[in-house]
Structure formats: structure tokens, C-alpha cells
Amino acid sequence: MADVVNTQTLLDGERLVIQKFTNLSDGTGESNVVKVQPSTLAPNSLGIACTGVKINKMWVATQAMAVEIKWDATTPVLAWTVPINRFDQLDFGEHLGGLTNNAGTGVTGNITFTTVGAASGSAYSIILECIKTYG
């Protein structure tokens, strides 16, 4: 078997993309699974492709596991850890201008998730609001 996962795009606009990710684990877990892939998002009104995102806000709920949110690169870089049994709303935009991708060599612009401590019946639901960047 495998974890039951789902990705839902709630908004893919000119400036923002909002996506919801869920996982109901059978104990398998996830390891650096691509969740946000800028190359698949809508281009801007000038036809320029989205090349990256900044994490602006998060709504998170975890049950019996943690989730590492990472910037994808040759060596993935941790953007944020959602702790085990957490229910929270986080706003990085107001004072920080969003979490910016600081990955080095081989940066792809993608965001990946890795579950930590996943067991049968553990779960997460995460909504990411990201600011799109174009290059």
C-alpha cells in the first residue's frame, strides 16, 4: 500500500498560487515529494513562465507526524518544519516578505515535503499561499 495523498490547486493567479495538500499515512510516509512545481503554474499576463515561489502564508494541521517543507535542489534546504500534532496559521508575508528560496546548487524552484514519524493513521493537511516569481 501507499499513503493516500491529494493536491488541490485553490488559486493559480497572476501573483498568488494557493494549494492544499493532504496525506493519510499507512506508515509509508513521503520523502522529498514535489508538492509545488512552478513550471506547471500559469504564466503571467505577458506569457512569462513562473520560475519560483515565496511562501507567504501556511495553514497547517498534523496528526501523529511532522512535515519538513523543503526547497528542492541538489541538496534540499529546509524552509520550515511543521511539528507533530500542530494546528496553526503562519504569516510570513507581513514582516518577512515571505520565506524566500535560499537553496544553492541545482535549485529547481520546487517545494517538497518529507514526513517525519509517519505511522499508520497519521495525517496532515497543509495549505500554502505562495507569491509567484517570474524570471
N, C-alpha and C. Protein backbone atom coordinates (compact mmCIF):
# COMPACT_ATOMS: atom_id res chain seq x y z
N MET A 1 0.84 -1.19 0.00
CA MET A 1 0.00 0.00 0.00
C MET A 1 0.88 1.24 0.00
N ALA A 2 0.22 2.36 -0.06
CA ALA A 2 0.92 3.64 -0.04
C ALA A 2 0.05 4.66 0.69
N ASP A 3 0.70 5.73 1.11
CA ASP A 3 -0.05 6.82 1.72
C ASP A 3 -1.11 7.32 0.72
N VAL A 4 -2.23 7.78 1.24
CA VAL A 4 -3.26 8.39 0.40
C VAL A 4 -3.00 9.90 0.43
N VAL A 5 -2.57 10.44 -0.71
CA VAL A 5 -2.20 11.85 -0.79
C VAL A 5 -3.06 12.55 -1.83
N ASN A 6 -3.23 13.86 -1.64
CA ASN A 6 -4.01 14.65 -2.57
C ASN A 6 -3.43 16.06 -2.65
N THR A 7 -3.45 16.62 -3.85
CA THR A 7 -3.07 18.01 -4.08
C THR A 7 -4.22 18.70 -4.78
N GLN A 8 -4.61 19.86 -4.26
CA GLN A 8 -5.70 20.63 -4.86
C GLN A 8 -5.24 22.07 -5.03
N THR A 9 -5.32 22.57 -6.26
CA THR A 9 -5.00 23.97 -6.51
C THR A 9 -6.26 24.80 -6.30
N LEU A 10 -6.22 25.70 -5.32
CA LEU A 10 -7.37 26.54 -4.99
C LEU A 10 -7.35 27.84 -5.79
N LEU A 11 -6.14 28.33 -6.13
CA LEU A 11 -5.98 29.55 -6.91
C LEU A 11 -4.64 29.49 -7.63
N ASP A 12 -4.64 29.81 -8.90
CA ASP A 12 -3.40 29.95 -9.67
C ASP A 12 -3.53 31.24 -10.47
N GLY A 13 -3.24 32.35 -9.80
CA GLY A 13 -3.45 33.67 -10.39
C GLY A 13 -2.16 34.32 -10.86
N GLU A 14 -2.26 35.58 -11.18
CA GLU A 14 -1.13 36.37 -11.67
C GLU A 14 -0.02 36.47 -10.62
N ARG A 15 -0.41 36.71 -9.37
CA ARG A 15 0.56 36.94 -8.30
C ARG A 15 0.64 35.80 -7.30
N LEU A 16 -0.48 35.16 -7.01
CA LEU A 16 -0.54 34.14 -5.96
C LEU A 16 -0.92 32.77 -6.50
N VAL A 17 -0.41 31.76 -5.82
CA VAL A 17 -0.89 30.39 -6.01
C VAL A 17 -1.19 29.86 -4.61
N ILE A 18 -2.37 29.25 -4.48
CA ILE A 18 -2.77 28.65 -3.20
C ILE A 18 -3.08 27.19 -3.48
N GLN A 19 -2.39 26.31 -2.74
CA GLN A 19 -2.59 24.88 -2.93
C GLN A 19 -2.78 24.18 -1.59
N LYS A 20 -3.62 23.14 -1.60
CA LYS A 20 -3.91 22.35 -0.41
C LYS A 20 -3.35 20.95 -0.62
N PHE A 21 -2.65 20.44 0.40
CA PHE A 21 -2.02 19.13 0.34
C PHE A 21 -2.49 18.31 1.54
N THR A 22 -2.88 17.06 1.29
CA THR A 22 -3.29 16.18 2.37
C THR A 22 -2.58 14.84 2.25
N ASN A 23 -2.44 14.18 3.39
CA ASN A 23 -1.83 12.85 3.44
C ASN A 23 -2.47 12.09 4.58
N LEU A 24 -2.96 10.90 4.29
CA LEU A 24 -3.39 9.93 5.31
C LEU A 24 -2.44 8.76 5.15
N SER A 25 -1.59 8.57 6.15
CA SER A 25 -0.49 7.63 6.01
C SER A 25 -0.85 6.20 6.40
N ASP A 26 -0.24 5.27 5.69
CA ASP A 26 -0.30 3.86 6.06
C ASP A 26 1.01 3.46 6.75
N GLY A 27 1.86 4.46 7.02
CA GLY A 27 3.15 4.24 7.63
C GLY A 27 4.30 4.35 6.63
N THR A 28 3.96 4.44 5.34
CA THR A 28 4.98 4.55 4.30
C THR A 28 5.68 5.90 4.39
N GLY A 29 4.92 6.98 4.50
CA GLY A 29 5.48 8.33 4.56
C GLY A 29 5.89 8.85 3.20
N GLU A 30 6.41 10.06 3.20
CA GLU A 30 6.87 10.73 1.98
C GLU A 30 8.29 11.21 2.20
N SER A 31 9.09 11.21 1.14
CA SER A 31 10.47 11.69 1.23
C SER A 31 10.77 12.57 0.02
N ASN A 32 10.92 13.86 0.28
CA ASN A 32 11.22 14.85 -0.77
C ASN A 32 10.29 14.73 -1.98
N VAL A 33 9.00 14.65 -1.71
CA VAL A 33 7.99 14.56 -2.77
C VAL A 33 7.64 15.98 -3.23
N VAL A 34 7.73 16.23 -4.54
CA VAL A 34 7.44 17.56 -5.08
C VAL A 34 5.96 17.87 -4.88
N LYS A 35 5.69 19.01 -4.25
CA LYS A 35 4.31 19.45 -4.00
C LYS A 35 3.98 20.71 -4.79
N VAL A 36 4.87 21.69 -4.79
CA VAL A 36 4.68 22.91 -5.57
C VAL A 36 5.73 22.89 -6.69
N GLN A 37 5.25 22.96 -7.92
CA GLN A 37 6.14 22.91 -9.08
C GLN A 37 5.86 24.12 -9.96
N PRO A 38 6.64 25.20 -9.79
CA PRO A 38 6.38 26.44 -10.52
C PRO A 38 6.26 26.28 -12.03
N SER A 39 7.01 25.36 -12.62
CA SER A 39 6.97 25.19 -14.08
C SER A 39 5.60 24.75 -14.59
N THR A 40 4.75 24.23 -13.70
CA THR A 40 3.41 23.80 -14.11
C THR A 40 2.34 24.85 -13.82
N LEU A 41 2.73 25.95 -13.20
CA LEU A 41 1.76 27.00 -12.86
C LEU A 41 1.52 27.91 -14.06
N ALA A 42 0.40 28.62 -14.01
CA ALA A 42 0.03 29.52 -15.10
C ALA A 42 1.06 30.64 -15.25
N PRO A 43 1.38 31.01 -16.49
CA PRO A 43 2.28 32.14 -16.73
C PRO A 43 1.57 33.45 -16.38
N ASN A 44 2.34 34.54 -16.33
CA ASN A 44 1.70 35.83 -16.07
C ASN A 44 1.02 36.36 -17.34
N SER A 45 0.42 37.52 -17.26
CA SER A 45 -0.35 38.06 -18.39
C SER A 45 0.52 38.39 -19.60
N LEU A 46 1.84 38.46 -19.42
CA LEU A 46 2.76 38.69 -20.54
C LEU A 46 3.26 37.38 -21.14
N GLY A 47 2.80 36.26 -20.56
CA GLY A 47 3.21 34.95 -21.05
C GLY A 47 4.52 34.45 -20.47
N ILE A 48 5.03 35.14 -19.46
CA ILE A 48 6.30 34.74 -18.84
C ILE A 48 6.03 33.63 -17.83
N ALA A 49 6.80 32.56 -17.91
CA ALA A 49 6.61 31.40 -17.05
C ALA A 49 7.01 31.69 -15.60
N CYS A 50 6.30 31.08 -14.68
CA CYS A 50 6.64 31.14 -13.26
C CYS A 50 7.88 30.28 -13.04
N THR A 51 8.87 30.84 -12.37
CA THR A 51 10.13 30.11 -12.13
C THR A 51 10.36 29.78 -10.67
N GLY A 52 9.56 30.34 -9.78
CA GLY A 52 9.73 30.08 -8.36
C GLY A 52 8.60 30.67 -7.55
N VAL A 53 8.64 30.42 -6.26
CA VAL A 53 7.63 30.97 -5.35
C VAL A 53 8.29 31.35 -4.02
N LYS A 54 7.64 32.27 -3.31
CA LYS A 54 7.97 32.58 -1.93
C LYS A 54 6.77 32.14 -1.09
N ILE A 55 7.01 31.49 0.02
CA ILE A 55 5.91 31.05 0.89
C ILE A 55 5.44 32.25 1.69
N ASN A 56 4.20 32.66 1.47
CA ASN A 56 3.63 33.83 2.11
C ASN A 56 2.87 33.46 3.39
N LYS A 57 2.00 32.46 3.28
CA LYS A 57 1.20 32.01 4.43
C LYS A 57 1.05 30.50 4.40
N MET A 58 0.79 29.93 5.59
CA MET A 58 0.53 28.50 5.73
C MET A 58 -0.60 28.29 6.72
N TRP A 59 -1.45 27.34 6.42
CA TRP A 59 -2.41 26.83 7.37
C TRP A 59 -2.07 25.35 7.51
N VAL A 60 -1.78 24.90 8.72
CA VAL A 60 -1.25 23.55 8.90
C VAL A 60 -2.00 22.79 9.98
N ALA A 61 -2.14 21.49 9.76
CA ALA A 61 -2.67 20.58 10.77
C ALA A 61 -1.95 19.25 10.58
N THR A 62 -1.29 18.79 11.65
CA THR A 62 -0.63 17.50 11.61
C THR A 62 -1.16 16.64 12.75
N GLN A 63 -1.24 15.35 12.48
CA GLN A 63 -1.69 14.39 13.49
C GLN A 63 -0.70 13.23 13.51
N ALA A 64 0.03 13.10 14.60
CA ALA A 64 0.95 11.98 14.84
C ALA A 64 2.11 11.90 13.85
N MET A 65 2.45 12.99 13.18
CA MET A 65 3.67 13.08 12.36
C MET A 65 4.01 14.54 12.14
N ALA A 66 5.27 14.78 11.80
CA ALA A 66 5.74 16.12 11.44
C ALA A 66 5.97 16.16 9.93
N VAL A 67 6.07 17.38 9.39
CA VAL A 67 6.31 17.54 7.95
C VAL A 67 7.43 18.57 7.77
N GLU A 68 8.46 18.17 7.03
CA GLU A 68 9.53 19.08 6.65
C GLU A 68 9.20 19.63 5.25
N ILE A 69 9.11 20.95 5.16
CA ILE A 69 8.86 21.62 3.89
C ILE A 69 10.22 22.13 3.41
N LYS A 70 10.60 21.70 2.19
CA LYS A 70 11.95 21.99 1.71
C LYS A 70 11.96 22.65 0.33
N TRP A 71 13.01 23.44 0.12
CA TRP A 71 13.31 23.99 -1.21
C TRP A 71 14.10 22.92 -1.94
N ASP A 72 13.66 22.53 -3.13
CA ASP A 72 14.31 21.47 -3.89
C ASP A 72 15.59 21.98 -4.55
N ALA A 73 16.64 21.20 -4.42
CA ALA A 73 17.94 21.50 -5.03
C ALA A 73 18.76 20.22 -5.00
N THR A 74 20.01 20.29 -5.46
CA THR A 74 20.89 19.12 -5.39
C THR A 74 20.91 18.60 -3.96
N THR A 75 21.06 19.50 -3.00
CA THR A 75 20.89 19.18 -1.59
C THR A 75 19.71 20.02 -1.11
N PRO A 76 18.52 19.39 -0.88
CA PRO A 76 17.34 20.17 -0.46
C PRO A 76 17.62 20.97 0.82
N VAL A 77 17.01 22.16 0.89
CA VAL A 77 17.20 23.07 2.02
C VAL A 77 15.88 23.21 2.76
N LEU A 78 15.92 23.03 4.06
CA LEU A 78 14.72 23.13 4.89
C LEU A 78 14.19 24.56 4.89
N ALA A 79 12.92 24.71 4.51
CA ALA A 79 12.25 26.00 4.57
C ALA A 79 11.52 26.16 5.90
N TRP A 80 10.84 25.07 6.34
CA TRP A 80 10.05 25.12 7.57
C TRP A 80 9.72 23.70 8.01
N THR A 81 9.64 23.49 9.31
CA THR A 81 9.18 22.22 9.85
C THR A 81 7.85 22.44 10.56
N VAL A 82 6.85 21.66 10.18
CA VAL A 82 5.56 21.67 10.87
C VAL A 82 5.65 20.54 11.91
N PRO A 83 5.64 20.88 13.20
CA PRO A 83 5.81 19.86 14.24
C PRO A 83 4.64 18.88 14.32
N ILE A 84 4.87 17.80 15.00
CA ILE A 84 3.86 16.78 15.24
C ILE A 84 2.69 17.39 16.03
N ASN A 85 1.48 16.98 15.70
CA ASN A 85 0.26 17.41 16.40
C ASN A 85 0.14 18.92 16.49
N ARG A 86 0.26 19.59 15.36
CA ARG A 86 0.21 21.05 15.31
C ARG A 86 -1.00 21.50 14.49
N PHE A 87 -1.68 22.52 14.97
CA PHE A 87 -2.76 23.18 14.25
C PHE A 87 -2.45 24.66 14.32
N ASP A 88 -2.17 25.31 13.18
CA ASP A 88 -1.67 26.67 13.25
C ASP A 88 -1.89 27.40 11.93
N GLN A 89 -1.83 28.73 12.01
CA GLN A 89 -1.82 29.60 10.84
C GLN A 89 -0.57 30.46 10.95
N LEU A 90 0.25 30.48 9.90
CA LEU A 90 1.51 31.21 9.92
C LEU A 90 1.51 32.24 8.80
N ASP A 91 1.94 33.46 9.10
CA ASP A 91 2.00 34.53 8.11
C ASP A 91 3.44 35.04 8.03
N PHE A 92 4.11 34.73 6.93
CA PHE A 92 5.50 35.15 6.73
C PHE A 92 5.59 36.41 5.90
N GLY A 93 4.47 36.85 5.35
CA GLY A 93 4.48 37.99 4.44
C GLY A 93 4.52 39.33 5.12
N GLU A 94 3.78 39.48 6.21
CA GLU A 94 3.61 40.78 6.83
C GLU A 94 4.93 41.41 7.27
N HIS A 95 5.78 40.64 7.93
CA HIS A 95 7.02 41.21 8.46
C HIS A 95 8.27 40.72 7.73
N LEU A 96 8.17 39.57 7.05
CA LEU A 96 9.34 39.00 6.39
C LEU A 96 9.33 39.11 4.87
N GLY A 97 8.18 39.41 4.30
CA GLY A 97 8.06 39.44 2.85
C GLY A 97 8.00 38.05 2.23
N GLY A 98 7.76 37.06 3.07
CA GLY A 98 7.66 35.67 2.61
C GLY A 98 8.96 34.92 2.83
N LEU A 99 8.85 33.59 2.93
CA LEU A 99 10.04 32.74 3.01
C LEU A 99 10.59 32.59 1.61
N THR A 100 11.84 33.00 1.41
CA THR A 100 12.47 33.01 0.10
C THR A 100 13.36 31.79 -0.07
N ASN A 101 13.32 31.23 -1.26
CA ASN A 101 14.14 30.07 -1.57
C ASN A 101 15.62 30.43 -1.47
N ASN A 102 16.31 29.77 -0.54
CA ASN A 102 17.73 30.02 -0.35
C ASN A 102 18.57 28.79 -0.68
N ALA A 103 17.99 27.88 -1.49
CA ALA A 103 18.73 26.68 -1.90
C ALA A 103 19.84 27.09 -2.87
N GLY A 104 20.90 26.33 -2.89
CA GLY A 104 22.07 26.66 -3.71
C GLY A 104 22.12 25.88 -5.00
N THR A 105 23.15 25.09 -5.17
CA THR A 105 23.40 24.34 -6.39
C THR A 105 22.22 23.45 -6.78
N GLY A 106 21.83 23.53 -8.03
CA GLY A 106 20.77 22.67 -8.55
C GLY A 106 19.38 23.08 -8.15
N VAL A 107 19.20 24.34 -7.73
CA VAL A 107 17.87 24.81 -7.31
C VAL A 107 16.89 24.67 -8.47
N THR A 108 15.69 24.13 -8.16
CA THR A 108 14.67 23.91 -9.20
C THR A 108 13.50 24.87 -9.10
N GLY A 109 13.32 25.49 -7.92
CA GLY A 109 12.14 26.32 -7.69
C GLY A 109 11.00 25.53 -7.06
N ASN A 110 11.12 24.20 -7.03
CA ASN A 110 10.08 23.34 -6.46
C ASN A 110 10.11 23.35 -4.94
N ILE A 111 8.97 23.01 -4.34
CA ILE A 111 8.86 22.79 -2.90
C ILE A 111 8.51 21.32 -2.70
N THR A 112 9.23 20.67 -1.78
CA THR A 112 8.98 19.26 -1.48
C THR A 112 8.56 19.08 -0.03
N PHE A 113 7.90 17.96 0.25
CA PHE A 113 7.53 17.59 1.61
C PHE A 113 8.20 16.26 1.96
N THR A 114 8.64 16.17 3.21
CA THR A 114 9.12 14.92 3.79
C THR A 114 8.41 14.74 5.12
N THR A 115 7.76 13.60 5.30
CA THR A 115 7.09 13.34 6.58
C THR A 115 8.09 12.70 7.54
N VAL A 116 7.91 13.02 8.82
CA VAL A 116 8.79 12.50 9.86
C VAL A 116 7.93 11.79 10.90
N GLY A 117 8.23 10.52 11.14
CA GLY A 117 7.49 9.75 12.14
C GLY A 117 6.14 9.26 11.67
N ALA A 118 5.95 9.15 10.35
CA ALA A 118 4.66 8.71 9.83
C ALA A 118 4.38 7.26 10.25
N ALA A 119 3.19 7.05 10.77
CA ALA A 119 2.73 5.71 11.14
C ALA A 119 1.33 5.54 10.57
N SER A 120 0.84 4.34 10.58
CA SER A 120 -0.50 4.09 10.07
C SER A 120 -1.51 4.95 10.81
N GLY A 121 -2.30 5.73 10.06
CA GLY A 121 -3.32 6.60 10.65
C GLY A 121 -2.86 8.02 10.90
N SER A 122 -1.56 8.31 10.80
CA SER A 122 -1.12 9.69 10.96
C SER A 122 -1.49 10.48 9.71
N ALA A 123 -1.59 11.80 9.84
CA ALA A 123 -2.10 12.59 8.73
C ALA A 123 -1.60 14.03 8.80
N TYR A 124 -1.71 14.71 7.65
CA TYR A 124 -1.52 16.15 7.63
C TYR A 124 -2.45 16.78 6.61
N SER A 125 -2.73 18.05 6.83
CA SER A 125 -3.42 18.90 5.88
C SER A 125 -2.69 20.24 5.92
N ILE A 126 -2.15 20.65 4.77
CA ILE A 126 -1.37 21.88 4.70
C ILE A 126 -1.85 22.70 3.51
N ILE A 127 -2.12 23.97 3.76
CA ILE A 127 -2.44 24.91 2.68
C ILE A 127 -1.30 25.91 2.61
N LEU A 128 -0.72 26.06 1.42
CA LEU A 128 0.33 27.04 1.18
C LEU A 128 -0.19 28.15 0.28
N GLU A 129 -0.01 29.38 0.71
CA GLU A 129 -0.23 30.55 -0.14
C GLU A 129 1.15 31.07 -0.52
N CYS A 130 1.44 31.05 -1.81
CA CYS A 130 2.76 31.44 -2.30
C CYS A 130 2.67 32.61 -3.26
N ILE A 131 3.69 33.46 -3.20
CA ILE A 131 3.83 34.56 -4.16
C ILE A 131 4.66 34.04 -5.31
N LYS A 132 4.14 34.15 -6.51
CA LYS A 132 4.83 33.65 -7.69
C LYS A 132 5.94 34.62 -8.11
N THR A 133 7.05 34.05 -8.59
CA THR A 133 8.14 34.86 -9.14
C THR A 133 8.36 34.43 -10.59
N TYR A 134 8.78 35.39 -11.40
CA TYR A 134 8.97 35.15 -12.82
C TYR A 134 10.38 35.52 -13.21
N GLY A 135 10.97 34.73 -14.08
CA GLY A 135 12.34 35.03 -14.45
C GLY A 135 12.56 34.83 -15.86
